[in-house]
Protein backbone atom coordinates (compact mmCIF):
# COMPACT_ATOMS: atom_id res chain seq x y z
CA MET A 1 99.50 84.30 134.62
CA LYS A 2 96.96 82.46 132.47
CA LYS A 3 95.05 85.71 131.94
CA ILE A 4 98.20 87.51 130.77
CA ILE A 5 99.06 84.72 128.32
CA GLY A 6 95.48 84.73 127.04
CA ILE A 7 95.50 88.50 126.53
CA LEU A 8 98.85 88.42 124.73
CA ALA A 9 97.71 85.53 122.54
CA THR A 10 94.51 87.37 121.65
CA ALA A 11 96.44 90.55 120.87
CA SER A 12 98.73 88.67 118.48
CA LEU A 13 95.93 87.03 116.44
CA PRO A 14 95.62 89.82 113.85
CA MET A 15 99.38 89.74 113.27
CA VAL A 16 99.41 85.98 112.80
CA SER A 17 96.51 86.23 110.36
CA PHE A 18 98.31 88.97 108.41
CA ALA A 19 101.48 86.91 108.28
CA GLN A 20 99.61 83.86 107.03
CA ASN A 21 97.89 85.86 104.30
CA HIS A 22 101.09 87.57 103.14
CA GLY A 23 103.38 84.71 102.49
CA PHE A 24 104.75 82.96 105.52
CA ARG A 25 105.52 79.93 103.38
CA ILE A 26 109.07 78.86 104.09
CA MET A 27 108.52 75.35 102.75
CA ASP A 28 106.92 76.64 99.52
CA CYS A 29 109.90 78.88 98.76
CA VAL A 30 112.64 76.27 98.92
CA GLY A 31 113.07 76.34 95.16
CA CYS A 32 111.91 79.88 94.40
CA ASN A 33 113.48 81.74 91.53
CA GLU A 34 113.34 85.46 90.83
CA PHE A 35 109.80 85.12 89.46
CA GLY A 36 108.62 83.00 92.35
CA HIS A 37 107.33 84.42 95.51
CA ASN A 38 109.74 84.73 98.38
CA ASN A 39 108.42 87.06 101.04
CA SER A 40 108.74 84.73 104.00
CA ILE A 41 110.86 87.36 105.81
CA LEU A 42 107.75 89.54 106.14
CA GLY A 43 105.88 86.68 107.78
CA VAL A 44 108.71 86.00 110.21
CA PHE A 45 108.76 89.70 111.09
CA PHE A 46 105.07 89.78 111.94
CA ILE A 47 105.06 86.47 113.79
CA LEU A 48 108.15 87.07 115.94
CA LEU A 49 108.90 90.76 116.25
CA ILE A 50 105.50 92.38 116.65
CA PRO A 51 104.45 90.24 119.67
CA LEU A 52 107.79 91.01 121.30
CA ILE A 53 107.12 94.72 120.87
CA TRP A 54 103.67 94.28 122.44
CA ILE A 55 105.17 92.41 125.39
CA PHE A 56 107.80 95.13 125.84
CA LEU A 57 105.13 97.85 125.79
CA ALA A 58 102.90 95.93 128.23
CA VAL A 59 105.75 95.42 130.70
CA GLY A 60 106.76 99.08 130.36
CA ALA A 61 103.20 100.25 131.01
CA PHE A 62 102.96 97.99 134.07
CA VAL A 63 106.25 99.29 135.48
CA PHE A 64 105.12 102.90 134.87
CA TRP A 65 101.81 102.14 136.63
CA ILE A 66 103.61 100.69 139.66
CA LEU A 67 106.01 103.66 139.82
CA MET A 68 103.16 106.17 139.75
CA LEU A 69 101.28 104.21 142.42
CA VAL A 70 104.34 104.19 144.69
CA ASP A 71 104.94 107.89 144.03
CA ALA A 72 101.32 108.67 144.91
CA ILE A 73 101.65 106.75 148.16
CA LYS A 74 104.90 108.47 149.14
CA HIS A 75 104.57 112.02 147.87
CA SER A 76 100.91 112.99 147.51
CA PRO A 77 99.43 115.53 149.91
CA GLU A 78 97.52 113.84 152.74
CA LYS A 79 94.14 115.20 151.59
CA MET A 80 94.56 113.80 148.07
CA LYS A 81 96.52 110.62 148.76
CA ILE A 82 93.59 108.20 148.98
CA ILE A 83 91.91 109.77 145.94
CA TRP A 84 95.04 109.41 143.80
CA ILE A 85 95.55 105.82 144.94
CA ILE A 86 91.95 104.92 144.02
CA VAL A 87 92.22 106.71 140.66
CA ILE A 88 95.48 104.98 139.77
CA ILE A 89 94.31 101.53 140.87
CA PHE A 90 90.92 101.59 139.14
CA THR A 91 91.88 103.38 135.91
CA HIS A 92 95.25 101.65 135.47
CA ILE A 93 97.54 103.27 132.89
CA ILE A 94 95.15 106.16 132.18
CA GLY A 95 95.07 107.05 135.88
CA ALA A 96 98.85 106.75 136.08
CA LEU A 97 99.24 109.13 133.14
CA ILE A 98 96.79 111.60 134.69
CA TYR A 99 98.70 111.46 137.98
CA TYR A 100 102.00 111.94 136.16
CA PHE A 101 100.91 115.06 134.29
CA ILE A 102 98.87 116.65 137.10
CA GLU A 103 100.97 115.88 140.19
CA LYS A 104 104.42 114.46 139.51
CA ARG A 105 105.61 116.53 136.55
CA PRO A 106 104.74 119.94 138.07
CA ARG A 107 106.33 118.85 141.36
CA ASN A 108 109.55 117.88 139.55
CA LYS A 109 109.62 121.23 137.70
CA LYS A 110 109.10 123.09 140.98
CA GLN A 111 111.96 121.18 142.63
CA ALA A 112 114.25 121.88 139.67
CA VAL A 113 113.53 125.62 139.87
CA GLU A 114 114.25 125.66 143.62
CA LYS A 115 117.68 124.12 143.11
């Protein structure tokens, strides 16, 4: 869990830096007029929304990886099963994508044609 938090914190550093450089100054803008600078909404966007999008994408990629690993265990031909499991485990999301496009997608198309 500490590794995941560290990775997510590291991934959000450029966004925090961008937000700090582009006006995340809520306290400075209390008395802003039309000539003052009031772009604190942009800073809030980059500090709150972008990391949430990264977390959503990371969880989605992990779920996809698990689904492809389970599919490889259940549905791969016996000769290729251990190879696909090793490829998916050691290459993570890239291996899961390769498995999806080489094995699962053609199998689904074949089953749809048979029905």
